[in-house]
N, C-alpha and C. Protein backbone atom coordinates (compact mmCIF):
# COMPACT_ATOMS: atom_id res chain seq x y z
N UNK A 1 -38.79 -17.65 6.01
CA UNK A 1 -37.96 -17.65 4.91
C UNK A 1 -37.94 -16.11 4.47
N UNK A 2 -39.00 -15.39 4.16
CA UNK A 2 -39.07 -14.08 3.84
C UNK A 2 -39.34 -13.14 5.08
N UNK A 3 -38.62 -12.08 5.12
CA UNK A 3 -38.66 -11.12 6.18
C UNK A 3 -39.83 -10.32 6.06
N UNK A 4 -40.33 -9.82 7.15
CA UNK A 4 -41.60 -9.11 7.02
C UNK A 4 -41.17 -7.57 6.72
N UNK A 5 -41.96 -6.66 6.37
CA UNK A 5 -41.68 -5.37 6.19
C UNK A 5 -41.21 -4.62 7.49
N UNK A 6 -41.54 -4.96 8.71
CA UNK A 6 -41.32 -4.55 9.79
C UNK A 6 -39.66 -4.83 10.12
N UNK A 7 -39.36 -5.99 9.92
CA UNK A 7 -38.16 -6.48 10.12
C UNK A 7 -37.18 -5.77 9.07
N UNK A 8 -37.54 -5.62 8.08
CA UNK A 8 -36.47 -4.88 7.08
C UNK A 8 -36.48 -3.42 7.19
N UNK A 9 -37.58 -2.89 7.75
CA UNK A 9 -37.51 -1.62 8.25
C UNK A 9 -36.84 -1.22 9.35
N UNK A 10 -36.72 -2.09 10.32
CA UNK A 10 -35.95 -1.97 11.45
C UNK A 10 -34.47 -2.20 11.31
N UNK A 11 -34.11 -2.99 10.37
CA UNK A 11 -32.73 -3.32 10.14
C UNK A 11 -32.16 -2.02 9.23
N UNK A 12 -33.22 -1.63 8.21
CA UNK A 12 -32.49 -0.42 7.59
C UNK A 12 -32.40 0.83 8.69
N UNK A 13 -33.21 1.01 9.41
CA UNK A 13 -33.08 2.17 10.26
C UNK A 13 -32.06 1.89 11.41
N UNK A 14 -31.73 0.75 11.54
CA UNK A 14 -30.51 0.32 12.53
C UNK A 14 -29.21 0.90 11.84
N UNK A 15 -29.19 0.31 10.44
CA UNK A 15 -27.76 0.66 9.71
C UNK A 15 -27.86 2.10 9.51
N UNK A 16 -28.78 3.06 9.18
CA UNK A 16 -28.92 4.55 8.83
C UNK A 16 -28.52 5.04 10.41
N UNK A 17 -28.89 4.72 11.42
CA UNK A 17 -28.56 5.63 12.74
C UNK A 17 -27.07 5.07 13.04
N UNK A 18 -26.45 3.72 12.75
CA UNK A 18 -25.23 3.63 12.93
C UNK A 18 -24.25 4.51 11.89
N UNK A 19 -24.54 4.44 10.75
CA UNK A 19 -23.84 5.57 9.92
C UNK A 19 -23.86 7.00 10.44
N UNK A 20 -25.00 7.30 10.72
CA UNK A 20 -25.06 8.73 11.48
C UNK A 20 -24.22 8.94 12.62
N UNK A 21 -24.06 7.74 13.47
CA UNK A 21 -23.17 7.76 14.86
C UNK A 21 -21.97 7.86 14.44
N UNK A 22 -21.52 7.24 13.32
CA UNK A 22 -20.12 7.23 12.78
C UNK A 22 -19.64 8.72 12.42
N UNK A 23 -20.55 9.29 11.52
CA UNK A 23 -20.38 10.70 11.12
C UNK A 23 -20.47 11.87 12.42
N UNK A 24 -21.06 11.40 13.39
CA UNK A 24 -21.15 12.46 14.35
C UNK A 24 -19.93 12.23 15.37
N UNK A 25 -19.33 10.97 15.38
CA UNK A 25 -18.05 10.57 16.07
C UNK A 25 -17.01 11.11 15.30
N UNK A 26 -16.87 11.23 14.00
CA UNK A 26 -15.82 11.69 13.26
C UNK A 26 -15.80 13.40 13.54
N UNK A 27 -17.16 14.05 13.46
CA UNK A 27 -17.22 15.41 13.73
C UNK A 27 -16.83 15.79 15.08
N UNK A 28 -17.22 14.85 16.03
CA UNK A 28 -16.64 15.23 17.22
C UNK A 28 -15.19 15.12 17.84
N UNK A 29 -14.44 14.29 17.00
CA UNK A 29 -13.22 14.15 16.94
C UNK A 29 -12.27 15.13 16.15
N UNK A 30 -12.67 15.44 15.04
CA UNK A 30 -12.07 16.33 14.12
C UNK A 30 -12.66 17.72 14.10
N UNK A 31 -13.76 18.04 14.79
CA UNK A 31 -14.48 19.17 14.55
C UNK A 31 -13.57 20.62 14.86
N UNK A 32 -13.36 21.60 14.10
CA UNK A 32 -12.76 22.80 14.12
C UNK A 32 -12.88 23.47 15.34
N UNK A 33 -14.16 23.62 15.81
CA UNK A 33 -14.42 24.54 16.74
C UNK A 33 -15.24 23.85 18.00
N UNK A 34 -15.42 24.36 19.06
CA UNK A 34 -16.01 23.80 20.23
C UNK A 34 -17.55 23.59 19.84
N UNK A 35 -17.81 24.73 18.98
CA UNK A 35 -19.51 24.65 18.81
C UNK A 35 -19.75 23.36 17.80
N UNK A 36 -18.84 22.96 16.88
CA UNK A 36 -19.15 21.96 15.90
C UNK A 36 -18.89 20.63 16.87
N UNK A 37 -18.17 20.72 18.05
CA UNK A 37 -18.06 19.35 18.68
C UNK A 37 -19.34 19.27 19.66
N UNK A 38 -20.00 20.56 19.98
CA UNK A 38 -21.09 20.40 20.91
C UNK A 38 -22.23 19.83 20.19
N UNK A 39 -22.31 20.19 18.95
CA UNK A 39 -23.53 19.90 17.87
C UNK A 39 -23.32 18.55 17.54
N UNK A 40 -22.13 17.88 17.52
CA UNK A 40 -21.86 16.49 17.18
C UNK A 40 -22.22 15.62 18.42
N UNK A 41 -21.87 16.03 19.52
CA UNK A 41 -22.32 15.34 20.83
C UNK A 41 -23.67 15.42 21.03
N UNK A 42 -24.29 16.84 20.73
CA UNK A 42 -25.79 16.70 20.72
C UNK A 42 -26.71 15.66 19.82
N UNK A 43 -26.13 15.66 18.42
CA UNK A 43 -26.47 14.78 17.68
C UNK A 43 -26.27 13.20 18.02
N UNK A 44 -24.98 12.94 18.50
CA UNK A 44 -24.74 11.74 19.00
C UNK A 44 -25.65 11.10 20.13
N UNK A 45 -26.11 11.86 20.86
CA UNK A 45 -27.19 11.46 22.02
C UNK A 45 -28.43 11.24 21.29
N UNK A 46 -28.84 11.98 20.48
CA UNK A 46 -30.11 11.74 19.74
C UNK A 46 -30.22 10.29 19.01
N UNK A 47 -29.08 10.21 18.09
CA UNK A 47 -28.96 9.13 17.66
C UNK A 47 -28.95 7.81 18.57
N UNK A 48 -28.26 7.94 19.79
CA UNK A 48 -28.29 6.84 20.63
C UNK A 48 -29.60 6.52 21.29
N UNK A 49 -30.43 7.62 21.42
CA UNK A 49 -31.82 7.72 22.01
C UNK A 49 -32.48 6.74 20.66
N UNK A 50 -32.41 7.10 19.48
CA UNK A 50 -33.08 6.32 18.37
C UNK A 50 -32.89 5.02 18.34
N UNK A 51 -31.46 4.94 18.53
CA UNK A 51 -30.81 3.30 18.48
C UNK A 51 -31.63 2.70 19.61
N UNK A 52 -31.72 2.95 20.91
CA UNK A 52 -32.45 2.47 21.76
C UNK A 52 -33.87 2.26 21.62
N UNK A 53 -34.60 3.30 20.92
CA UNK A 53 -36.00 2.77 20.42
C UNK A 53 -36.27 1.76 19.29
N UNK A 54 -35.45 1.69 18.18
CA UNK A 54 -35.25 0.72 17.32
C UNK A 54 -34.90 -0.71 18.01
N UNK A 55 -34.12 -0.74 18.75
CA UNK A 55 -34.03 -2.06 19.46
C UNK A 55 -35.07 -2.35 20.36
N UNK A 56 -35.60 -1.63 21.12
CA UNK A 56 -36.85 -1.82 21.74
C UNK A 56 -37.87 -2.35 20.89
N UNK A 57 -38.13 -1.71 19.54
CA UNK A 57 -39.03 -2.31 18.58
C UNK A 57 -38.65 -3.63 18.13
N UNK A 58 -37.28 -3.87 17.97
CA UNK A 58 -36.80 -4.90 17.40
C UNK A 58 -37.13 -6.26 18.30
N UNK A 59 -36.82 -5.90 19.63
CA UNK A 59 -36.77 -7.36 20.60
C UNK A 59 -38.16 -7.15 21.25
N UNK A 60 -39.06 -5.88 21.24
CA UNK A 60 -40.36 -5.97 21.84
C UNK A 60 -40.30 -5.65 23.40
N UNK A 61 -39.22 -5.18 23.78
CA UNK A 61 -39.00 -4.98 25.16
C UNK A 61 -39.23 -3.34 25.57
N UNK A 62 -39.97 -3.29 26.60
CA UNK A 62 -40.27 -2.01 27.44
C UNK A 62 -38.95 -1.30 27.86
N UNK A 63 -37.98 -2.11 28.27
CA UNK A 63 -36.61 -1.50 29.05
C UNK A 63 -35.98 -0.77 27.94
N UNK A 64 -36.08 -0.94 26.66
CA UNK A 64 -35.18 -0.25 25.79
C UNK A 64 -35.98 1.36 25.61
N UNK A 65 -37.24 1.33 25.82
CA UNK A 65 -37.88 2.63 25.54
C UNK A 65 -37.74 3.40 27.14
N UNK A 66 -37.63 2.80 28.14
CA UNK A 66 -37.21 3.52 29.41
C UNK A 66 -35.91 4.00 29.21
N UNK A 67 -35.00 3.35 28.87
CA UNK A 67 -33.63 3.53 28.58
C UNK A 67 -33.57 4.77 27.71
N UNK A 68 -34.34 4.64 26.44
CA UNK A 68 -34.37 6.05 25.64
C UNK A 68 -34.92 7.31 26.25
N UNK A 69 -35.80 7.03 27.11
CA UNK A 69 -36.47 8.42 27.81
C UNK A 69 -35.19 8.82 28.82
N UNK A 70 -34.37 7.98 29.28
CA UNK A 70 -33.42 8.59 30.38
C UNK A 70 -32.08 9.21 29.49
N UNK A 71 -31.95 8.50 28.20
CA UNK A 71 -31.03 9.07 27.52
C UNK A 71 -31.42 10.37 27.09
N UNK A 72 -32.78 10.78 26.64
CA UNK A 72 -33.15 12.11 26.23
C UNK A 72 -33.18 13.05 27.25
N UNK A 73 -33.56 12.69 28.65
CA UNK A 73 -33.43 13.55 29.67
C UNK A 73 -31.90 14.02 30.09
N UNK A 74 -31.11 13.27 30.12
CA UNK A 74 -29.67 13.29 30.41
C UNK A 74 -29.15 14.24 29.23
N UNK A 75 -29.54 13.90 27.98
CA UNK A 75 -28.71 14.66 26.84
C UNK A 75 -29.23 15.98 26.76
N UNK A 76 -30.66 16.21 27.24
CA UNK A 76 -31.23 17.61 27.11
C UNK A 76 -30.57 18.47 28.19
N UNK A 77 -30.37 17.87 29.45
CA UNK A 77 -29.65 18.64 30.49
C UNK A 77 -28.24 18.93 30.15
N UNK A 78 -27.51 17.73 29.50
CA UNK A 78 -25.99 18.11 29.29
C UNK A 78 -26.03 19.11 28.11
N UNK A 79 -26.50 19.06 27.13
CA UNK A 79 -26.59 20.02 26.16
C UNK A 79 -26.74 21.50 26.64
N UNK A 80 -27.78 21.74 27.53
CA UNK A 80 -28.10 23.09 28.18
C UNK A 80 -26.72 23.58 29.10
N UNK A 81 -26.31 22.70 29.70
CA UNK A 81 -25.13 22.79 30.54
C UNK A 81 -24.12 23.22 29.63
N UNK A 82 -23.64 22.51 28.69
CA UNK A 82 -22.49 22.64 27.85
C UNK A 82 -22.65 24.26 27.13
N UNK A 83 -24.05 24.61 26.47
CA UNK A 83 -24.14 25.90 25.78
C UNK A 83 -23.99 26.75 26.72
N UNK A 84 -24.48 26.76 27.93
CA UNK A 84 -24.15 27.80 29.04
C UNK A 84 -22.78 27.97 29.20
N UNK A 85 -22.02 26.90 29.44
CA UNK A 85 -20.65 27.02 29.59
C UNK A 85 -19.94 27.75 28.72
N UNK A 86 -20.27 27.30 27.34
CA UNK A 86 -19.48 27.95 26.05
C UNK A 86 -20.01 29.66 26.03
N UNK A 87 -21.20 29.78 26.46
CA UNK A 87 -21.51 31.34 26.36
C UNK A 87 -20.97 32.29 27.48
N UNK A 88 -20.97 31.54 28.74
CA UNK A 88 -20.63 32.55 29.87
C UNK A 88 -19.26 32.13 30.41
N UNK A 89 -18.87 30.83 30.18
CA UNK A 89 -17.47 30.48 30.81
C UNK A 89 -17.98 29.67 32.32
N UNK A 90 -19.13 29.87 32.56
CA UNK A 90 -19.38 29.12 34.15
C UNK A 90 -20.82 28.40 33.91
N UNK A 91 -21.08 27.13 34.62
CA UNK A 91 -22.34 26.69 34.27
C UNK A 91 -23.42 27.01 35.53
N UNK A 92 -22.87 27.31 36.67
CA UNK A 92 -23.59 27.70 37.78
C UNK A 92 -23.17 28.98 38.30
N UNK A 93 -24.06 30.03 38.54
CA UNK A 93 -24.00 31.42 38.66
C UNK A 93 -23.82 31.58 40.14
């Protein structure tokens, strides 16, 4: 009948992450410069990683945590590649 504190916390975190993802998507679409868009994309993959962690806590499955680790690794590498491209105009020298 009554939800536990963990269930309420997970639901609140889920809603907050979805709102943050919405704001990041808006900034990604209407960002005035490429740097704003890169920052929005960087924040968006972090929110996606957090969403996978929250879902892993909610459902009690290890698969979500593995998925979050994969998102973190790919997001970090892609952010470095995009930043290098914006600074020098090429990714591979």
